[in-house]
């Protein structure tokens, strides 16, 4: 568990780490673009409304495009400010995830897009 909200669960080293300081990237995106100003899209099938559908956006810094994912805010949202911050994924992480979806690694959770 993270003691202070400065890194919001993004260790710079450890298991699965990319070595990228994602908290710093997120802070730069917020400073240069404004997190709330990004074009957030709900991750839900067309024509359907899912109450807790994730929201996704892209932001580019220094010619690198990052994927951001967040849970939508709700009226009874009890998460801390740090817990409301979006997750940041590098281009490599995004490609690895999408490759896993295409390969069927997530089974029934996310069907392959064939």
C-alpha atoms as a PDB file:
ATOM      1  CA  UNK A   1       0.000   0.000   0.000  1.00  0.00           C
ATOM      2  CA  UNK A   2       1.271   3.473  -0.845  1.00  0.00           C
ATOM      3  CA  UNK A   3       1.729   5.639   2.222  1.00  0.00           C
ATOM      4  CA  UNK A   4       1.476   8.967   0.430  1.00  0.00           C
ATOM      5  CA  UNK A   5      -0.414   9.742  -2.759  1.00  0.00           C
ATOM      6  CA  UNK A   6       2.636  11.035  -4.622  1.00  0.00           C
ATOM      7  CA  UNK A   7       3.247   7.830  -6.541  1.00  0.00           C
ATOM      8  CA  UNK A   8      -0.341   6.536  -6.403  1.00  0.00           C
ATOM      9  CA  UNK A   9       0.715   2.914  -6.729  1.00  0.00           C
ATOM     10  CA  UNK A  10       3.297   3.332  -9.467  1.00  0.00           C
ATOM     11  CA  UNK A  11       6.569   1.944  -8.139  1.00  0.00           C
ATOM     12  CA  UNK A  12       9.609   2.808 -10.224  1.00  0.00           C
ATOM     13  CA  UNK A  13      11.104  -0.611  -9.560  1.00  0.00           C
ATOM     14  CA  UNK A  14       9.843  -4.002  -8.480  1.00  0.00           C
ATOM     15  CA  UNK A  15       7.933  -6.858 -10.101  1.00  0.00           C
ATOM     16  CA  UNK A  16       6.473  -5.910 -13.471  1.00  0.00           C
ATOM     17  CA  UNK A  17       7.978  -2.436 -13.393  1.00  0.00           C
ATOM     18  CA  UNK A  18       8.802  -0.715 -16.655  1.00  0.00           C
ATOM     19  CA  UNK A  19      11.237   1.616 -14.899  1.00  0.00           C
ATOM     20  CA  UNK A  20       9.112   4.536 -16.096  1.00  0.00           C
ATOM     21  CA  UNK A  21       8.052   7.117 -13.507  1.00  0.00           C
ATOM     22  CA  UNK A  22       4.366   7.086 -14.377  1.00  0.00           C
ATOM     23  CA  UNK A  23       3.430   9.476 -11.582  1.00  0.00           C
ATOM     24  CA  UNK A  24       5.740  12.062 -13.168  1.00  0.00           C
ATOM     25  CA  UNK A  25       4.279  11.373 -16.627  1.00  0.00           C
ATOM     26  CA  UNK A  26       0.736  11.749 -15.287  1.00  0.00           C
ATOM     27  CA  UNK A  27       1.713  14.999 -13.528  1.00  0.00           C
ATOM     28  CA  UNK A  28       3.197  16.369 -16.785  1.00  0.00           C
ATOM     29  CA  UNK A  29       0.094  15.382 -18.730  1.00  0.00           C
ATOM     30  CA  UNK A  30      -2.046  17.149 -16.135  1.00  0.00           C
ATOM     31  CA  UNK A  31       0.192  20.231 -16.200  1.00  0.00           C
ATOM     32  CA  UNK A  32       0.527  20.473 -19.990  1.00  0.00           C
ATOM     33  CA  UNK A  33      -2.853  19.149 -21.148  1.00  0.00           C
ATOM     34  CA  UNK A  34      -5.114  19.015 -18.109  1.00  0.00           C
ATOM     35  CA  UNK A  35      -6.416  15.554 -17.220  1.00  0.00           C
ATOM     36  CA  UNK A  36     -10.025  16.746 -17.330  1.00  0.00           C
ATOM     37  CA  UNK A  37      -9.421  18.385 -20.724  1.00  0.00           C
ATOM     38  CA  UNK A  38      -8.447  15.111 -22.399  1.00  0.00           C
ATOM     39  CA  UNK A  39     -10.936  13.465 -24.730  1.00  0.00           C
ATOM     40  CA  UNK A  40     -12.167  10.683 -22.410  1.00  0.00           C
ATOM     41  CA  UNK A  41     -14.175   7.859 -24.016  1.00  0.00           C
ATOM     42  CA  UNK A  42     -16.250   5.327 -22.131  1.00  0.00           C
ATOM     43  CA  UNK A  43     -15.239   1.722 -22.695  1.00  0.00           C
ATOM     44  CA  UNK A  44     -18.652   0.259 -23.385  1.00  0.00           C
ATOM     45  CA  UNK A  45     -20.315  -1.310 -26.399  1.00  0.00           C
ATOM     46  CA  UNK A  46     -21.966   1.127 -28.795  1.00  0.00           C
ATOM     47  CA  UNK A  47     -25.544   1.817 -27.811  1.00  0.00           C
ATOM     48  CA  UNK A  48     -25.146   0.398 -24.299  1.00  0.00           C
ATOM     49  CA  UNK A  49     -24.677   2.195 -20.993  1.00  0.00           C
ATOM     50  CA  UNK A  50     -22.601   0.525 -18.293  1.00  0.00           C
ATOM     51  CA  UNK A  51     -22.701   2.426 -14.995  1.00  0.00           C
ATOM     52  CA  UNK A  52     -19.052   1.779 -14.025  1.00  0.00           C
ATOM     53  CA  UNK A  53     -17.543   1.562 -17.516  1.00  0.00           C
ATOM     54  CA  UNK A  54     -13.890   2.546 -17.566  1.00  0.00           C
ATOM     55  CA  UNK A  55     -12.928   5.755 -19.344  1.00  0.00           C
ATOM     56  CA  UNK A  56      -9.918   5.899 -21.651  1.00  0.00           C
ATOM     57  CA  UNK A  57      -7.952   8.746 -23.193  1.00  0.00           C
ATOM     58  CA  UNK A  58      -4.653   9.294 -24.965  1.00  0.00           C
ATOM     59  CA  UNK A  59      -2.083  12.001 -24.356  1.00  0.00           C
ATOM     60  CA  UNK A  60       1.185  12.697 -26.149  1.00  0.00           C
ATOM     61  CA  UNK A  61       4.346  13.987 -24.475  1.00  0.00           C
ATOM     62  CA  UNK A  62       7.652  14.324 -26.312  1.00  0.00           C
ATOM     63  CA  UNK A  63       6.205  12.428 -29.307  1.00  0.00           C
ATOM     64  CA  UNK A  64       5.241   9.434 -27.124  1.00  0.00           C
ATOM     65  CA  UNK A  65       1.524   8.631 -26.850  1.00  0.00           C
ATOM     66  CA  UNK A  66       0.345   7.240 -23.520  1.00  0.00           C
ATOM     67  CA  UNK A  67      -2.938   5.505 -22.776  1.00  0.00           C
ATOM     68  CA  UNK A  68      -4.760   6.654 -19.649  1.00  0.00           C
ATOM     69  CA  UNK A  69      -7.515   4.648 -17.954  1.00  0.00           C
ATOM     70  CA  UNK A  70      -9.739   5.772 -15.107  1.00  0.00           C
ATOM     71  CA  UNK A  71     -12.937   4.815 -13.334  1.00  0.00           C
ATOM     72  CA  UNK A  72     -15.679   7.406 -13.707  1.00  0.00           C
ATOM     73  CA  UNK A  73     -16.506   9.536 -10.707  1.00  0.00           C
ATOM     74  CA  UNK A  74     -19.825   8.715  -9.076  1.00  0.00           C
ATOM     75  CA  UNK A  75     -21.979  10.671  -6.663  1.00  0.00           C
ATOM     76  CA  UNK A  76     -21.175   8.307  -3.780  1.00  0.00           C
ATOM     77  CA  UNK A  77     -17.488   8.026  -4.677  1.00  0.00           C
ATOM     78  CA  UNK A  78     -15.507   7.306  -1.506  1.00  0.00           C
ATOM     79  CA  UNK A  79     -12.091   6.938  -3.185  1.00  0.00           C
ATOM     80  CA  UNK A  80      -9.253   9.204  -2.126  1.00  0.00           C
ATOM     81  CA  UNK A  81      -7.893  11.793  -4.548  1.00  0.00           C
ATOM     82  CA  UNK A  82      -4.909   9.547  -5.320  1.00  0.00           C
ATOM     83  CA  UNK A  83      -7.251   6.613  -6.048  1.00  0.00           C
ATOM     84  CA  UNK A  84      -9.166   8.759  -8.568  1.00  0.00           C
ATOM     85  CA  UNK A  85      -6.055   9.424 -10.662  1.00  0.00           C
ATOM     86  CA  UNK A  86      -5.911   7.626 -13.998  1.00  0.00           C
ATOM     87  CA  UNK A  87      -3.547   4.753 -14.652  1.00  0.00           C
ATOM     88  CA  UNK A  88      -0.879   5.487 -17.267  1.00  0.00           C
ATOM     89  CA  UNK A  89       0.219   2.873 -19.799  1.00  0.00           C
ATOM     90  CA  UNK A  90       3.260   3.181 -22.058  1.00  0.00           C
ATOM     91  CA  UNK A  91       2.986   2.357 -25.785  1.00  0.00           C
ATOM     92  CA  UNK A  92       4.715  -0.975 -25.090  1.00  0.00           C
ATOM     93  CA  UNK A  93       2.262  -1.867 -22.311  1.00  0.00           C
ATOM     94  CA  UNK A  94      -0.666  -0.918 -24.525  1.00  0.00           C
ATOM     95  CA  UNK A  95       0.592  -3.113 -27.366  1.00  0.00           C
ATOM     96  CA  UNK A  96       1.228  -6.032 -24.995  1.00  0.00           C
ATOM     97  CA  UNK A  97      -2.316  -5.752 -23.629  1.00  0.00           C
ATOM     98  CA  UNK A  98      -3.929  -5.496 -27.069  1.00  0.00           C
ATOM     99  CA  UNK A  99      -1.813  -8.423 -28.270  1.00  0.00           C
ATOM    100  CA  UNK A 100      -3.099 -10.470 -25.341  1.00  0.00           C
ATOM    101  CA  UNK A 101      -6.686  -9.558 -26.223  1.00  0.00           C
ATOM    102  CA  UNK A 102      -6.111 -10.572 -29.851  1.00  0.00           C
ATOM    103  CA  UNK A 103      -4.503 -13.857 -28.726  1.00  0.00           C
ATOM    104  CA  UNK A 104      -7.480 -14.678 -26.493  1.00  0.00           C
ATOM    105  CA  UNK A 105      -5.437 -14.487 -23.282  1.00  0.00           C
ATOM    106  CA  UNK A 106      -8.388 -12.990 -21.397  1.00  0.00           C
ATOM    107  CA  UNK A 107     -10.916 -15.649 -22.409  1.00  0.00           C
ATOM    108  CA  UNK A 108     -14.494 -14.704 -21.676  1.00  0.00           C
ATOM    109  CA  UNK A 109     -13.577 -11.442 -19.932  1.00  0.00           C
ATOM    110  CA  UNK A 110     -12.545  -9.745 -23.173  1.00  0.00           C
ATOM    111  CA  UNK A 111     -13.395 -11.672 -26.351  1.00  0.00           C
ATOM    112  CA  UNK A 112     -10.877 -11.420 -29.203  1.00  0.00           C
ATOM    113  CA  UNK A 113     -11.730  -8.739 -31.782  1.00  0.00           C
ATOM    114  CA  UNK A 114     -11.840 -11.120 -34.758  1.00  0.00           C
END
